[in-house]
Amino acid sequence: RVDQLKYDVQHLQTALRNFQHRRYIREQQERQREELLARTFTTNDSDTTIPIDETLQFNESLQNAHRGMDDLIGSGTNILQGLRDQRMTLKGTHKKILDVANMLG
């Protein structure tokens, strides 16, 4: 008989704990629901900006540097070609001057 009473007491205590837990959860849900319903929502500000990720900015900077180096290499190539053309012009002019000097004696 004592063992049966102990078992019944444990069973009732467990049932009470479960009931209290369910009640607590239900009260918490109701409180959250009331908070949501009482909350006032507003529209977004007129100035909506999207922050750019640091990695994206870094990638853009690298691309700009790459383009700058390509431009620099292109300018160097054009300068070298101009110098070659001037060399050929000066060689031709030098040859003509030597020819004129040889004719004059």
Protein backbone atom coordinates (compact mmCIF):
# COMPACT_ATOMS: atom_id res chain seq x y z
CA ARG A 1 0.00 0.00 0.00
CA VAL A 2 2.87 2.45 0.84
CA ASP A 3 4.62 1.63 -2.44
CA GLN A 4 1.39 2.30 -4.31
CA LEU A 5 1.05 5.68 -2.58
CA LYS A 6 4.68 6.57 -3.41
CA TYR A 7 4.07 5.65 -7.05
CA ASP A 8 0.88 7.72 -7.13
CA VAL A 9 2.65 10.71 -5.57
CA GLN A 10 5.49 10.53 -8.12
CA HIS A 11 3.00 10.15 -10.95
CA LEU A 12 0.99 13.15 -9.74
CA GLN A 13 4.14 15.25 -9.26
CA THR A 14 5.25 14.45 -12.81
CA ALA A 15 1.81 15.30 -14.14
CA LEU A 16 1.84 18.58 -12.19
CA ARG A 17 5.30 19.50 -13.56
CA ASN A 18 4.13 18.75 -17.11
CA PHE A 19 0.99 20.82 -16.59
CA GLN A 20 3.02 23.74 -15.15
CA HIS A 21 5.49 23.54 -18.04
CA ARG A 22 2.72 23.57 -20.66
CA ARG A 23 1.04 26.49 -18.86
CA TYR A 24 4.33 28.43 -18.77
CA ILE A 25 4.89 27.82 -22.50
CA ARG A 26 1.31 28.90 -23.33
CA GLU A 27 1.65 32.09 -21.23
CA GLN A 28 4.95 32.90 -22.88
CA GLN A 29 3.42 32.43 -26.35
CA GLU A 30 0.47 34.63 -25.44
CA ARG A 31 2.82 37.32 -24.12
CA GLN A 32 4.86 37.23 -27.32
CA ARG A 33 1.70 37.35 -29.43
CA GLU A 34 0.47 40.40 -27.48
CA GLU A 35 3.84 42.11 -27.92
CA LEU A 36 3.69 41.53 -31.67
CA LEU A 37 0.12 42.79 -31.93
CA ALA A 38 0.89 45.87 -29.84
CA ARG A 39 4.00 46.70 -31.85
CA THR A 40 3.72 49.54 -34.36
CA PHE A 41 5.56 49.09 -37.61
CA THR A 42 6.83 52.00 -39.66
CA THR A 43 7.97 52.34 -43.23
CA ASN A 44 11.63 52.40 -44.18
CA ASP A 45 13.52 55.65 -44.25
CA SER A 46 13.64 57.41 -47.60
CA ASP A 47 17.41 56.93 -47.68
CA THR A 48 17.90 53.21 -48.17
CA THR A 49 21.53 52.20 -48.49
CA ILE A 50 23.11 48.82 -48.87
CA PRO A 51 26.51 48.50 -47.20
CA ILE A 52 29.15 47.08 -49.51
CA ASP A 53 31.16 44.18 -48.22
CA GLU A 54 34.88 44.76 -47.57
CA THR A 55 35.80 41.90 -49.87
CA LEU A 56 33.87 43.48 -52.72
CA GLN A 57 35.65 46.79 -52.17
CA PHE A 58 39.02 45.00 -52.04
CA ASN A 59 38.23 43.17 -55.29
CA GLU A 60 37.23 46.43 -56.98
CA SER A 61 40.47 48.07 -55.82
CA LEU A 62 42.49 45.17 -57.22
CA GLN A 63 40.68 45.44 -60.55
CA ASN A 64 41.39 49.19 -60.67
CA ALA A 65 45.08 48.54 -59.93
CA HIS A 66 45.16 45.85 -62.63
CA ARG A 67 43.63 48.26 -65.17
CA GLY A 68 46.13 50.93 -64.11
CA MET A 69 49.05 48.54 -64.67
CA ASP A 70 47.68 47.58 -68.10
CA ASP A 71 47.46 51.27 -69.01
CA LEU A 72 51.00 51.85 -67.76
CA ILE A 73 52.35 48.92 -69.80
CA GLY A 74 50.46 50.16 -72.87
CA SER A 75 51.93 53.65 -72.43
CA GLY A 76 55.43 52.18 -72.06
CA THR A 77 54.96 50.14 -75.24
CA ASN A 78 53.83 53.24 -77.16
CA ILE A 79 56.83 55.23 -75.88
CA LEU A 80 59.25 52.46 -76.94
CA GLN A 81 57.64 52.32 -80.41
CA GLY A 82 57.96 56.11 -80.69
CA LEU A 83 61.63 55.93 -79.73
CA ARG A 84 62.23 53.23 -82.36
CA ASP A 85 60.55 55.37 -85.00
CA GLN A 86 62.69 58.38 -83.99
CA ARG A 87 65.81 56.20 -84.16
CA MET A 88 64.97 55.17 -87.72
CA THR A 89 64.29 58.78 -88.67
CA LEU A 90 67.56 59.95 -87.13
CA LYS A 91 69.48 57.13 -88.85
CA GLY A 92 68.03 58.18 -92.18
CA THR A 93 68.84 61.82 -91.49
CA HIS A 94 72.38 60.90 -90.38
CA LYS A 95 72.90 58.88 -93.58
CA LYS A 96 71.70 61.78 -95.73
CA ILE A 97 73.98 64.22 -93.92
CA LEU A 98 76.94 61.87 -94.47
CA ASP A 99 76.01 61.55 -98.17
CA VAL A 100 75.83 65.34 -98.54
CA ALA A 101 79.15 65.73 -96.69
CA ASN A 102 80.79 63.12 -98.99
CA MET A 103 79.48 64.91 -102.10
CA LEU A 104 80.82 68.24 -100.89
CA GLY A 105 84.14 66.72 -100.13
